Amino acid sequence: EHNTSFSYKPFTLAEDMPEQMSKKPFQIRLKGFLAKPIKIQLVMVDTSFASKDVNEEVVVQNGELAINEKMLSNLSAGPVTLELHYEEELPLDGFSREGGRILINYSLRRQFEFVR
């Protein structure tokens, strides 16, 4: 048996997203990240089978994430599910020769609609 401690530091939206928005580039402001750049996984899925959706690693800088025109071009007007995922890996040294790790996965999901 091994005991260790860690801090769970979830991130949240600095302000709620509107339920409807025009399909133009926008910023998502997040709370809970340090000022240094951090890579997270961005997933945006619409309800159209014809679109490519968005699933890419992006950088959060100073708590801001930019949704750009290229990302938006992969989405159709209508309902969109947005997910942000961040993983933090903490090493567990000294417990065994092989070592170990704690993997913490933070996720945030919102739904909104792109209107014309």
PDB file of N, CA and C in Angstrom:
ATOM      1  N   GLU A   1       0.848  -1.187   0.000  1.00  0.00           N
ATOM      2  CA  GLU A   1       0.000   0.000   0.000  1.00  0.00           C
ATOM      3  C   GLU A   1       0.882   1.235   0.000  1.00  0.00           C
ATOM      4  N   HIS A   2       0.506   2.189  -0.843  1.00  0.00           N
ATOM      5  CA  HIS A   2       1.255   3.434  -0.967  1.00  0.00           C
ATOM      6  C   HIS A   2       0.299   4.602  -0.823  1.00  0.00           C
ATOM      7  N   ASN A   3       0.718   5.599  -0.087  1.00  0.00           N
ATOM      8  CA  ASN A   3      -0.086   6.801   0.088  1.00  0.00           C
ATOM      9  C   ASN A   3       0.625   7.976  -0.549  1.00  0.00           C
ATOM     10  N   THR A   4      -0.132   8.783  -1.235  1.00  0.00           N
ATOM     11  CA  THR A   4       0.395  10.000  -1.828  1.00  0.00           C
ATOM     12  C   THR A   4      -0.729  11.031  -1.857  1.00  0.00           C
ATOM     13  N   SER A   5      -0.381  12.263  -2.066  1.00  0.00           N
ATOM     14  CA  SER A   5      -1.419  13.295  -2.158  1.00  0.00           C
ATOM     15  C   SER A   5      -1.214  14.103  -3.434  1.00  0.00           C
ATOM     16  N   PHE A   6      -2.300  14.690  -3.918  1.00  0.00           N
ATOM     17  CA  PHE A   6      -2.252  15.543  -5.096  1.00  0.00           C
ATOM     18  C   PHE A   6      -3.381  16.548  -4.986  1.00  0.00           C
ATOM     19  N   SER A   7      -3.299  17.592  -5.800  1.00  0.00           N
ATOM     20  CA  SER A   7      -4.334  18.622  -5.821  1.00  0.00           C
ATOM     21  C   SER A   7      -5.156  18.481  -7.089  1.00  0.00           C
ATOM     22  N   TYR A   8      -6.459  18.483  -6.936  1.00  0.00           N
ATOM     23  CA  TYR A   8      -7.380  18.456  -8.070  1.00  0.00           C
ATOM     24  C   TYR A   8      -7.787  19.894  -8.353  1.00  0.00           C
ATOM     25  N   LYS A   9      -7.375  20.417  -9.515  1.00  0.00           N
ATOM     26  CA  LYS A   9      -7.606  21.818  -9.850  1.00  0.00           C
ATOM     27  C   LYS A   9      -8.409  21.931 -11.141  1.00  0.00           C
ATOM     28  N   PRO A  10      -9.723  21.782 -11.081  1.00  0.00           N
ATOM     29  CA  PRO A  10     -10.515  21.837 -12.316  1.00  0.00           C
ATOM     30  C   PRO A  10     -10.531  23.240 -12.914  1.00  0.00           C
ATOM     31  N   PHE A  11     -10.795  23.304 -14.210  1.00  0.00           N
ATOM     32  CA  PHE A  11     -10.954  24.598 -14.864  1.00  0.00           C
ATOM     33  C   PHE A  11     -12.427  24.813 -15.186  1.00  0.00           C
ATOM     34  N   THR A  12     -12.828  26.058 -15.292  1.00  0.00           N
ATOM     35  CA  THR A  12     -14.212  26.413 -15.583  1.00  0.00           C
ATOM     36  C   THR A  12     -14.235  27.569 -16.585  1.00  0.00           C
ATOM     37  N   LEU A  13     -15.409  27.837 -17.113  1.00  0.00           N
ATOM     38  CA  LEU A  13     -15.576  29.008 -17.967  1.00  0.00           C
ATOM     39  C   LEU A  13     -15.571  30.257 -17.098  1.00  0.00           C
ATOM     40  N   ALA A  14     -14.863  31.290 -17.537  1.00  0.00           N
ATOM     41  CA  ALA A  14     -14.865  32.558 -16.809  1.00  0.00           C
ATOM     42  C   ALA A  14     -16.234  33.219 -16.909  1.00  0.00           C
ATOM     43  N   GLU A  15     -16.910  32.972 -18.020  1.00  0.00           N
ATOM     44  CA  GLU A  15     -18.270  33.479 -18.214  1.00  0.00           C
ATOM     45  C   GLU A  15     -19.029  32.465 -19.052  1.00  0.00           C
ATOM     46  N   ASP A  16     -20.318  32.322 -18.800  1.00  0.00           N
ATOM     47  CA  ASP A  16     -21.116  31.347 -19.528  1.00  0.00           C
ATOM     48  C   ASP A  16     -21.170  31.679 -21.016  1.00  0.00           C
ATOM     49  N   MET A  17     -21.272  30.643 -21.812  1.00  0.00           N
ATOM     50  CA  MET A  17     -21.435  30.822 -23.252  1.00  0.00           C
ATOM     51  C   MET A  17     -22.914  31.052 -23.540  1.00  0.00           C
ATOM     52  N   PRO A  18     -23.218  31.877 -24.533  1.00  0.00           N
ATOM     53  CA  PRO A  18     -24.633  32.065 -24.888  1.00  0.00           C
ATOM     54  C   PRO A  18     -25.202  30.784 -25.501  1.00  0.00           C
ATOM     55  N   GLU A  19     -26.505  30.619 -25.417  1.00  0.00           N
ATOM     56  CA  GLU A  19     -27.149  29.438 -25.998  1.00  0.00           C
ATOM     57  C   GLU A  19     -27.139  29.497 -27.520  1.00  0.00           C
ATOM     58  N   GLN A  20     -27.155  30.699 -28.063  1.00  0.00           N
ATOM     59  CA  GLN A  20     -27.086  30.883 -29.511  1.00  0.00           C
ATOM     60  C   GLN A  20     -26.029  31.930 -29.829  1.00  0.00           C
ATOM     61  N   MET A  21     -25.309  31.710 -30.924  1.00  0.00           N
ATOM     62  CA  MET A  21     -24.299  32.686 -31.349  1.00  0.00           C
ATOM     63  C   MET A  21     -24.115  32.601 -32.852  1.00  0.00           C
ATOM     64  N   SER A  22     -23.625  33.698 -33.427  1.00  0.00           N
ATOM     65  CA  SER A  22     -23.346  33.688 -34.857  1.00  0.00           C
ATOM     66  C   SER A  22     -22.037  32.927 -35.089  1.00  0.00           C
ATOM     67  N   LYS A  23     -21.903  32.411 -36.277  1.00  0.00           N
ATOM     68  CA  LYS A  23     -20.749  31.578 -36.612  1.00  0.00           C
ATOM     69  C   LYS A  23     -19.584  32.471 -37.036  1.00  0.00           C
ATOM     70  N   LYS A  24     -18.995  33.148 -36.052  1.00  0.00           N
ATOM     71  CA  LYS A  24     -17.859  34.038 -36.252  1.00  0.00           C
ATOM     72  C   LYS A  24     -16.797  33.684 -35.221  1.00  0.00           C
ATOM     73  N   PRO A  25     -15.515  33.952 -35.507  1.00  0.00           N
ATOM     74  CA  PRO A  25     -14.462  33.653 -34.533  1.00  0.00           C
ATOM     75  C   PRO A  25     -14.766  34.280 -33.173  1.00  0.00           C
ATOM     76  N   PHE A  26     -14.415  33.553 -32.115  1.00  0.00           N
ATOM     77  CA  PHE A  26     -14.660  34.043 -30.757  1.00  0.00           C
ATOM     78  C   PHE A  26     -13.607  33.499 -29.800  1.00  0.00           C
ATOM     79  N   GLN A  27     -13.578  34.049 -28.611  1.00  0.00           N
ATOM     80  CA  GLN A  27     -12.656  33.644 -27.550  1.00  0.00           C
ATOM     81  C   GLN A  27     -13.441  32.943 -26.455  1.00  0.00           C
ATOM     82  N   ILE A  28     -12.856  31.906 -25.888  1.00  0.00           N
ATOM     83  CA  ILE A  28     -13.397  31.271 -24.690  1.00  0.00           C
ATOM     84  C   ILE A  28     -12.440  31.621 -23.562  1.00  0.00           C
ATOM     85  N   ARG A  29     -12.968  32.214 -22.510  1.00  0.00           N
ATOM     86  CA  ARG A  29     -12.150  32.581 -21.356  1.00  0.00           C
ATOM     87  C   ARG A  29     -12.337  31.529 -20.260  1.00  0.00           C
ATOM     88  N   LEU A  30     -11.206  31.025 -19.776  1.00  0.00           N
ATOM     89  CA  LEU A  30     -11.218  29.945 -18.786  1.00  0.00           C
ATOM     90  C   LEU A  30     -10.590  30.408 -17.482  1.00  0.00           C
ATOM     91  N   LYS A  31     -11.103  29.892 -16.383  1.00  0.00           N
ATOM     92  CA  LYS A  31     -10.515  30.127 -15.061  1.00  0.00           C
ATOM     93  C   LYS A  31      -9.877  28.824 -14.601  1.00  0.00           C
ATOM     94  N   GLY A  32      -8.773  28.931 -13.891  1.00  0.00           N
ATOM     95  CA  GLY A  32      -8.137  27.748 -13.316  1.00  0.00           C
ATOM     96  C   GLY A  32      -6.827  27.363 -13.969  1.00  0.00           C
ATOM     97  N   PHE A  33      -6.430  28.076 -15.028  1.00  0.00           N
ATOM     98  CA  PHE A  33      -5.148  27.817 -15.671  1.00  0.00           C
ATOM     99  C   PHE A  33      -4.150  28.887 -15.267  1.00  0.00           C
ATOM    100  N   LEU A  34      -2.893  28.506 -15.197  1.00  0.00           N
ATOM    101  CA  LEU A  34      -1.836  29.471 -14.934  1.00  0.00           C
ATOM    102  C   LEU A  34      -1.608  30.328 -16.173  1.00  0.00           C
ATOM    103  N   ALA A  35      -0.787  31.357 -16.045  1.00  0.00           N
ATOM    104  CA  ALA A  35      -0.515  32.255 -17.169  1.00  0.00           C
ATOM    105  C   ALA A  35       0.280  31.571 -18.273  1.00  0.00           C
ATOM    106  N   LYS A  36       1.037  30.530 -17.930  1.00  0.00           N
ATOM    107  CA  LYS A  36       1.852  29.863 -18.957  1.00  0.00           C
ATOM    108  C   LYS A  36       0.948  29.124 -19.950  1.00  0.00           C
ATOM    109  N   PRO A  37       1.400  29.003 -21.198  1.00  0.00           N
ATOM    110  CA  PRO A  37       0.606  28.287 -22.209  1.00  0.00           C
ATOM    111  C   PRO A  37       0.419  26.818 -21.830  1.00  0.00           C
ATOM    112  N   ILE A  38      -0.793  26.317 -22.044  1.00  0.00           N
ATOM    113  CA  ILE A  38      -1.121  24.922 -21.729  1.00  0.00           C
ATOM    114  C   ILE A  38      -1.870  24.334 -22.922  1.00  0.00           C
ATOM    115  N   LYS A  39      -1.491  23.117 -23.312  1.00  0.00           N
ATOM    116  CA  LYS A  39      -2.170  22.443 -24.416  1.00  0.00           C
ATOM    117  C   LYS A  39      -3.355  21.644 -23.879  1.00  0.00           C
ATOM    118  N   ILE A  40      -4.503  21.801 -24.563  1.00  0.00           N
ATOM    119  CA  ILE A  40      -5.695  21.034 -24.226  1.00  0.00           C
ATOM    120  C   ILE A  40      -6.299  20.482 -25.517  1.00  0.00           C
ATOM    121  N   GLN A  41      -7.182  19.535 -25.373  1.00  0.00           N
ATOM    122  CA  GLN A  41      -7.876  18.962 -26.527  1.00  0.00           C
ATOM    123  C   GLN A  41      -9.220  19.668 -26.689  1.00  0.00           C
ATOM    124  N   LEU A  42      -9.472  20.189 -27.874  1.00  0.00           N
ATOM    125  CA  LEU A  42     -10.719  20.865 -28.208  1.00  0.00           C
ATOM    126  C   LEU A  42     -11.516  19.971 -29.149  1.00  0.00           C
ATOM    127  N   VAL A  43     -12.762  19.688 -28.789  1.00  0.00           N
ATOM    128  CA  VAL A  43     -13.659  18.915 -29.641  1.00  0.00           C
ATOM    129  C   VAL A  43     -14.936  19.728 -29.823  1.00  0.00           C
ATOM    130  N   MET A  44     -15.316  19.957 -31.073  1.00  0.00           N
ATOM    131  CA  MET A  44     -16.592  20.597 -31.376  1.00  0.00           C
ATOM    132  C   MET A  44     -17.275  19.744 -32.441  1.00  0.00           C
ATOM    133  N   VAL A  45     -18.484  19.280 -32.129  1.00  0.00           N
ATOM    134  CA  VAL A  45     -19.222  18.379 -33.000  1.00  0.00           C
ATOM    135  C   VAL A  45     -20.596  18.971 -33.271  1.00  0.00           C
ATOM    136  N   ASP A  46     -20.987  18.976 -34.557  1.00  0.00           N
ATOM    137  CA  ASP A  46     -22.327  19.434 -34.899  1.00  0.00           C
ATOM    138  C   ASP A  46     -23.202  18.225 -35.245  1.00  0.00           C
ATOM    139  N   THR A  47     -24.389  18.477 -35.737  1.00  0.00           N
ATOM    140  CA  THR A  47     -25.319  17.372 -36.032  1.00  0.00           C
ATOM    141  C   THR A  47     -25.363  17.018 -37.512  1.00  0.00           C
ATOM    142  N   SER A  48     -24.468  17.599 -38.313  1.00  0.00           N
ATOM    143  CA  SER A  48     -24.433  17.322 -39.742  1.00  0.00           C
ATOM    144  C   SER A  48     -23.399  16.237 -40.040  1.00  0.00           C
ATOM    145  N   PHE A  49     -23.807  15.252 -40.812  1.00  0.00           N
ATOM    146  CA  PHE A  49     -22.862  14.199 -41.200  1.00  0.00           C
ATOM    147  C   PHE A  49     -21.871  14.693 -42.247  1.00  0.00           C
ATOM    148  N   ALA A  50     -22.202  15.777 -42.940  1.00  0.00           N
ATOM    149  CA  ALA A  50     -21.362  16.280 -44.024  1.00  0.00           C
ATOM    150  C   ALA A  50     -20.161  17.087 -43.534  1.00  0.00           C
ATOM    151  N   SER A  51     -20.181  17.576 -42.296  1.00  0.00           N
ATOM    152  CA  SER A  51     -19.088  18.417 -41.816  1.00  0.00           C
ATOM    153  C   SER A  51     -17.975  17.576 -41.192  1.00  0.00           C
ATOM    154  N   LYS A  52     -16.792  18.190 -41.069  1.00  0.00           N
ATOM    155  CA  LYS A  52     -15.613  17.485 -40.544  1.00  0.00           C
ATOM    156  C   LYS A  52     -15.511  17.530 -39.021  1.00  0.00           C
ATOM    157  N   ASP A  53     -16.214  18.448 -38.379  1.00  0.00           N
ATOM    158  CA  ASP A  53     -16.104  18.680 -36.934  1.00  0.00           C
ATOM    159  C   ASP A  53     -14.704  19.180 -36.582  1.00  0.00           C
ATOM    160  N   VAL A  54     -14.451  19.382 -35.307  1.00  0.00           N
ATOM    161  CA  VAL A  54     -13.156  19.853 -34.826  1.00  0.00           C
ATOM    162  C   VAL A  54     -12.687  18.900 -33.734  1.00  0.00           C
ATOM    163  N   ASN A  55     -11.463  18.429 -33.848  1.00  0.00           N
ATOM    164  CA  ASN A  55     -10.845  17.592 -32.819  1.00  0.00           C
ATOM    165  C   ASN A  55      -9.351  17.823 -32.913  1.00  0.00           C
ATOM    166  N   GLU A  56      -8.852  18.787 -32.145  1.00  0.00           N
ATOM    167  CA  GLU A  56      -7.438  19.129 -32.240  1.00  0.00           C
ATOM    168  C   GLU A  56      -6.887  19.643 -30.919  1.00  0.00           C
ATOM    169  N   GLU A  57      -5.575  19.536 -30.804  1.00  0.00           N
ATOM    170  CA  GLU A  57      -4.879  20.058 -29.641  1.00  0.00           C
ATOM    171  C   GLU A  57      -4.654  21.551 -29.865  1.00  0.00           C
ATOM    172  N   VAL A  58      -5.038  22.359 -28.886  1.00  0.00           N
ATOM    173  CA  VAL A  58      -4.934  23.815 -28.985  1.00  0.00           C
ATOM    174  C   VAL A  58      -4.240  24.347 -27.739  1.00  0.00           C
ATOM    175  N   VAL A  59      -3.817  25.594 -27.814  1.00  0.00           N
ATOM    176  CA  VAL A  59      -3.102  26.214 -26.700  1.00  0.00           C
ATOM    177  C   VAL A  59      -4.002  27.224 -25.996  1.00  0.00           C
ATOM    178  N   VAL A  60      -4.066  27.106 -24.668  1.00  0.00           N
ATOM    179  CA  VAL A  60      -4.718  28.113 -23.828  1.00  0.00           C
ATOM    180  C   VAL A  60      -3.611  29.020 -23.319  1.00  0.00           C
ATOM    181  N   GLN A  61      -3.704  30.307 -23.630  1.00  0.00           N
ATOM    182  CA  GLN A  61      -2.694  31.279 -23.215  1.00  0.00           C
ATOM    183  C   GLN A  61      -3.378  32.357 -22.387  1.00  0.00           C
ATOM    184  N   ASN A  62      -2.886  32.578 -21.174  1.00  0.00           N
ATOM    185  CA  ASN A  62      -3.481  33.563 -20.263  1.00  0.00           C
ATOM    186  C   ASN A  62      -4.972  33.315 -20.061  1.00  0.00           C
ATOM    187  N   GLY A  63      -5.358  32.041 -20.034  1.00  0.00           N
ATOM    188  CA  GLY A  63      -6.757  31.688 -19.789  1.00  0.00           C
ATOM    189  C   GLY A  63      -7.669  31.874 -20.977  1.00  0.00           C
ATOM    190  N   GLU A  64      -7.125  32.112 -22.168  1.00  0.00           N
ATOM    191  CA  GLU A  64      -7.956  32.343 -23.345  1.00  0.00           C
ATOM    192  C   GLU A  64      -7.680  31.318 -24.433  1.00  0.00           C
ATOM    193  N   LEU A  65      -8.755  30.890 -25.059  1.00  0.00           N
ATOM    194  CA  LEU A  65      -8.705  29.926 -26.155  1.00  0.00           C
ATOM    195  C   LEU A  65      -9.420  30.540 -27.347  1.00  0.00           C
ATOM    196  N   ALA A  66      -8.721  30.651 -28.470  1.00  0.00           N
ATOM    197  CA  ALA A  66      -9.290  31.264 -29.666  1.00  0.00           C
ATOM    198  C   ALA A  66      -9.954  30.208 -30.549  1.00  0.00           C
ATOM    199  N   ILE A  67     -11.193  30.457 -30.915  1.00  0.00           N
ATOM    200  CA  ILE A  67     -11.905  29.647 -31.904  1.00  0.00           C
ATOM    201  C   ILE A  67     -11.836  30.434 -33.207  1.00  0.00           C
ATOM    202  N   ASN A  68     -11.074  29.909 -34.173  1.00  0.00           N
ATOM    203  CA  ASN A  68     -10.797  30.676 -35.384  1.00  0.00           C
ATOM    204  C   ASN A  68     -11.660  30.249 -36.576  1.00  0.00           C
ATOM    205  N   GLU A  69     -11.504  30.979 -37.658  1.00  0.00           N
ATOM    206  CA  GLU A  69     -12.296  30.749 -38.871  1.00  0.00           C
ATOM    207  C   GLU A  69     -12.073  29.350 -39.436  1.00  0.00           C
ATOM    208  N   LYS A  70     -10.840  28.863 -39.388  1.00  0.00           N
ATOM    209  CA  LYS A  70     -10.547  27.520 -39.903  1.00  0.00           C
ATOM    210  C   LYS A  70     -11.340  26.463 -39.138  1.00  0.00           C
ATOM    211  N   MET A  71     -11.398  26.582 -37.816  1.00  0.00           N
ATOM    212  CA  MET A  71     -12.178  25.638 -37.000  1.00  0.00           C
ATOM    213  C   MET A  71     -13.657  25.731 -37.364  1.00  0.00           C
ATOM    214  N   LEU A  72     -14.149  26.951 -37.474  1.00  0.00           N
ATOM    215  CA  LEU A  72     -15.568  27.167 -37.759  1.00  0.00           C
ATOM    216  C   LEU A  72     -15.966  26.635 -39.129  1.00  0.00           C
ATOM    217  N   SER A  73     -15.021  26.624 -40.068  1.00  0.00           N
ATOM    218  CA  SER A  73     -15.335  26.128 -41.412  1.00  0.00           C
ATOM    219  C   SER A  73     -15.612  24.619 -41.400  1.00  0.00           C
ATOM    220  N   ASN A  74     -15.237  23.918 -40.335  1.00  0.00           N
ATOM    221  CA  ASN A  74     -15.493  22.482 -40.207  1.00  0.00           C
ATOM    222  C   ASN A  74     -16.835  22.179 -39.543  1.00  0.00           C
ATOM    223  N   LEU A  75     -17.631  23.223 -39.278  1.00  0.00           N
ATOM    224  CA  LEU A  75     -18.903  23.046 -38.573  1.00  0.00           C
ATOM    225  C   LEU A  75     -20.050  23.641 -39.375  1.00  0.00           C
ATOM    226  N   SER A  76     -21.214  23.045 -39.243  1.00  0.00           N
ATOM    227  CA  SER A  76     -22.425  23.551 -39.899  1.00  0.00           C
ATOM    228  C   SER A  76     -23.233  24.376 -38.904  1.00  0.00           C
ATOM    229  N   ALA A  77     -24.100  25.209 -39.420  1.00  0.00           N
ATOM    230  CA  ALA A  77     -25.027  25.950 -38.565  1.00  0.00           C
ATOM    231  C   ALA A  77     -25.929  24.947 -37.850  1.00  0.00           C
ATOM    232  N   GLY A  78     -26.356  25.295 -36.651  1.00  0.00           N
ATOM    233  CA  GLY A  78     -27.207  24.414 -35.864  1.00  0.00           C
ATOM    234  C   GLY A  78     -26.554  24.055 -34.544  1.00  0.00           C
ATOM    235  N   PRO A  79     -27.066  23.023 -33.864  1.00  0.00           N
ATOM    236  CA  PRO A  79     -26.549  22.640 -32.546  1.00  0.00           C
ATOM    237  C   PRO A  79     -25.090  22.167 -32.597  1.00  0.00           C
ATOM    238  N   VAL A  80     -24.309  22.571 -31.596  1.00  0.00           N
ATOM    239  CA  VAL A  80     -22.900  22.187 -31.481  1.00  0.00           C
ATOM    240  C   VAL A  80     -22.629  21.773 -30.038  1.00  0.00           C
ATOM    241  N   THR A  81     -21.894  20.687 -29.886  1.00  0.00           N
ATOM    242  CA  THR A  81     -21.393  20.284 -28.569  1.00  0.00           C
ATOM    243  C   THR A  81     -19.907  20.584 -28.533  1.00  0.00           C
ATOM    244  N   LEU A  82     -19.491  21.350 -27.535  1.00  0.00           N
ATOM    245  CA  LEU A  82     -18.095  21.721 -27.355  1.00  0.00           C
ATOM    246  C   LEU A  82     -17.557  20.988 -26.131  1.00  0.00           C
ATOM    247  N   GLU A  83     -16.396  20.369 -26.259  1.00  0.00           N
ATOM    248  CA  GLU A  83     -15.732  19.709 -25.131  1.00  0.00           C
ATOM    249  C   GLU A  83     -14.287  20.160 -25.067  1.00  0.00           C
ATOM    250  N   LEU A  84     -13.826  20.418 -23.851  1.00  0.00           N
ATOM    251  CA  LEU A  84     -12.425  20.727 -23.595  1.00  0.00           C
ATOM    252  C   LEU A  84     -11.887  19.664 -22.652  1.00  0.00           C
ATOM    253  N   HIS A  85     -10.721  19.100 -22.984  1.00  0.00           N
ATOM    254  CA  HIS A  85     -10.113  18.050 -22.166  1.00  0.00           C
ATOM    255  C   HIS A  85      -8.662  18.415 -21.866  1.00  0.00           C
ATOM    256  N   TYR A  86      -8.295  18.236 -20.611  1.00  0.00           N
ATOM    257  CA  TYR A  86      -6.914  18.494 -20.183  1.00  0.00           C
ATOM    258  C   TYR A  86      -6.472  17.345 -19.299  1.00  0.00           C
ATOM    259  N   GLU A  87      -5.298  16.789 -19.582  1.00  0.00           N
ATOM    260  CA  GLU A  87      -4.753  15.705 -18.764  1.00  0.00           C
ATOM    261  C   GLU A  87      -3.499  16.182 -18.057  1.00  0.00           C
ATOM    262  N   GLU A  88      -3.398  15.808 -16.797  1.00  0.00           N
ATOM    263  CA  GLU A  88      -2.217  16.115 -15.995  1.00  0.00           C
ATOM    264  C   GLU A  88      -1.650  14.798 -15.485  1.00  0.00           C
ATOM    265  N   GLU A  89      -0.376  14.593 -15.736  1.00  0.00           N
ATOM    266  CA  GLU A  89       0.283  13.359 -15.314  1.00  0.00           C
ATOM    267  C   GLU A  89       1.278  13.677 -14.200  1.00  0.00           C
ATOM    268  N   LEU A  90       1.136  12.987 -13.081  1.00  0.00           N
ATOM    269  CA  LEU A  90       2.014  13.188 -11.928  1.00  0.00           C
ATOM    270  C   LEU A  90       2.810  11.915 -11.686  1.00  0.00           C
ATOM    271  N   PRO A  91       4.131  12.010 -11.648  1.00  0.00           N
ATOM    272  CA  PRO A  91       4.936  10.809 -11.416  1.00  0.00           C
ATOM    273  C   PRO A  91       4.856  10.352  -9.961  1.00  0.00           C
ATOM    274  N   LEU A  92       4.952   9.057  -9.768  1.00  0.00           N
ATOM    275  CA  LEU A  92       5.020   8.465  -8.430  1.00  0.00           C
ATOM    276  C   LEU A  92       6.384   7.812  -8.301  1.00  0.00           C
ATOM    277  N   ASP A  93       7.334   8.541  -7.812  1.00  0.00           N
ATOM    278  CA  ASP A  93       8.687   8.024  -7.668  1.00  0.00           C
ATOM    279  C   ASP A  93       8.882   7.393  -6.297  1.00  0.00           C
ATOM    280  N   GLY A  94       9.732   6.393  -6.263  1.00  0.00           N
ATOM    281  CA  GLY A  94      10.111   5.803  -4.983  1.00  0.00           C
ATOM    282  C   GLY A  94       9.189   4.716  -4.466  1.00  0.00           C
ATOM    283  N   PHE A  95       8.108   4.392  -5.171  1.00  0.00           N
ATOM    284  CA  PHE A  95       7.193   3.360  -4.694  1.00  0.00           C
ATOM    285  C   PHE A  95       7.631   1.971  -5.124  1.00  0.00           C
ATOM    286  N   SER A  96       8.264   1.898  -6.269  1.00  0.00           N
ATOM    287  CA  SER A  96       8.774   0.625  -6.757  1.00  0.00           C
ATOM    288  C   SER A  96       9.842   0.927  -7.794  1.00  0.00           C
ATOM    289  N   ARG A  97      10.525  -0.092  -8.222  1.00  0.00           N
ATOM    290  CA  ARG A  97      11.540   0.120  -9.255  1.00  0.00           C
ATOM    291  C   ARG A  97      10.918   0.664 -10.536  1.00  0.00           C
ATOM    292  N   GLU A  98       9.712   0.215 -10.846  1.00  0.00           N
ATOM    293  CA  GLU A  98       9.049   0.637 -12.066  1.00  0.00           C
ATOM    294  C   GLU A  98       8.474   2.052 -11.975  1.00  0.00           C
ATOM    295  N   GLY A  99       8.313   2.544 -10.764  1.00  0.00           N
ATOM    296  CA  GLY A  99       7.693   3.856 -10.583  1.00  0.00           C
ATOM    297  C   GLY A  99       6.197   3.766 -10.768  1.00  0.00           C
ATOM    298  N   GLY A 100       5.597   4.811 -11.198  1.00  0.00           N
ATOM    299  CA  GLY A 100       4.158   4.831 -11.418  1.00  0.00           C
ATOM    300  C   GLY A 100       3.729   6.246 -11.747  1.00  0.00           C
ATOM    301  N   ARG A 101       2.437   6.421 -11.916  1.00  0.00           N
ATOM    302  CA  ARG A 101       1.921   7.746 -12.231  1.00  0.00           C
ATOM    303  C   ARG A 101       0.461   7.850 -11.843  1.00  0.00           C
ATOM    304  N   ILE A 102       0.054   9.072 -11.612  1.00  0.00           N
ATOM    305  CA  ILE A 102      -1.359   9.404 -11.434  1.00  0.00           C
ATOM    306  C   ILE A 102      -1.732  10.236 -12.650  1.00  0.00           C
ATOM    307  N   LEU A 103      -2.792   9.861 -13.320  1.00  0.00           N
ATOM    308  CA  LEU A 103      -3.264  10.593 -14.478  1.00  0.00           C
ATOM    309  C   LEU A 103      -4.619  11.214 -14.127  1.00  0.00           C
ATOM    310  N   ILE A 104      -4.682  12.542 -14.199  1.00  0.00           N
ATOM    311  CA  ILE A 104      -5.906  13.264 -13.868  1.00  0.00           C
ATOM    312  C   ILE A 104      -6.460  13.852 -15.168  1.00  0.00           C
ATOM    313  N   ASN A 105      -7.728  13.582 -15.452  1.00  0.00           N
ATOM    314  CA  ASN A 105      -8.372  14.074 -16.660  1.00  0.00           C
ATOM    315  C   ASN A 105      -9.449  15.080 -16.261  1.00  0.00           C
ATOM    316  N   TYR A 106      -9.310  16.299 -16.763  1.00  0.00           N
ATOM    317  CA  TYR A 106     -10.292  17.352 -16.530  1.00  0.00           C
ATOM    318  C   TYR A 106     -11.090  17.541 -17.816  1.00  0.00           C
ATOM    319  N   SER A 107     -12.397  17.642 -17.718  1.00  0.00           N
ATOM    320  CA  SER A 107     -13.234  17.834 -18.902  1.00  0.00           C
ATOM    321  C   SER A 107     -14.320  18.873 -18.633  1.00  0.00           C
ATOM    322  N   LEU A 108     -14.680  19.572 -19.680  1.00  0.00           N
ATOM    323  CA  LEU A 108     -15.743  20.570 -19.606  1.00  0.00           C
ATOM    324  C   LEU A 108     -16.569  20.423 -20.883  1.00  0.00           C
ATOM    325  N   ARG A 109     -17.892  20.443 -20.766  1.00  0.00           N
ATOM    326  CA  ARG A 109     -18.770  20.299 -21.932  1.00  0.00           C
ATOM    327  C   ARG A 109     -19.847  21.379 -21.899  1.00  0.00           C
ATOM    328  N   ARG A 110     -20.079  21.973 -23.068  1.00  0.00           N
ATOM    329  CA  ARG A 110     -21.148  22.950 -23.230  1.00  0.00           C
ATOM    330  C   ARG A 110     -21.835  22.695 -24.563  1.00  0.00           C
ATOM    331  N   GLN A 111     -23.093  23.088 -24.657  1.00  0.00           N
ATOM    332  CA  GLN A 111     -23.836  22.994 -25.898  1.00  0.00           C
ATOM    333  C   GLN A 111     -24.391  24.357 -26.240  1.00  0.00           C
ATOM    334  N   PHE A 112     -24.368  24.663 -27.531  1.00  0.00           N
ATOM    335  CA  PHE A 112     -24.898  25.927 -28.022  1.00  0.00           C
ATOM    336  C   PHE A 112     -25.323  25.718 -29.459  1.00  0.00           C
ATOM    337  N   GLU A 113     -25.836  26.782 -30.076  1.00  0.00           N
ATOM    338  CA  GLU A 113     -26.298  26.683 -31.449  1.00  0.00           C
ATOM    339  C   GLU A 113     -25.738  27.827 -32.278  1.00  0.00           C
ATOM    340  N   PHE A 114     -25.177  27.486 -33.445  1.00  0.00           N
ATOM    341  CA  PHE A 114     -24.782  28.501 -34.397  1.00  0.00           C
ATOM    342  C   PHE A 114     -25.999  28.895 -35.205  1.00  0.00           C
ATOM    343  N   VAL A 115     -26.313  30.175 -35.216  1.00  0.00           N
ATOM    344  CA  VAL A 115     -27.469  30.668 -35.978  1.00  0.00           C
ATOM    345  C   VAL A 115     -26.958  31.522 -37.138  1.00  0.00           C
ATOM    346  N   ARG A 116     -27.777  31.587 -38.175  1.00  0.00           N
ATOM    347  CA  ARG A 116     -27.394  32.368 -39.368  1.00  0.00           C
ATOM    348  C   ARG A 116     -27.848  33.786 -39.244  1.00  0.00           C
TER     349      ARG A 116
END
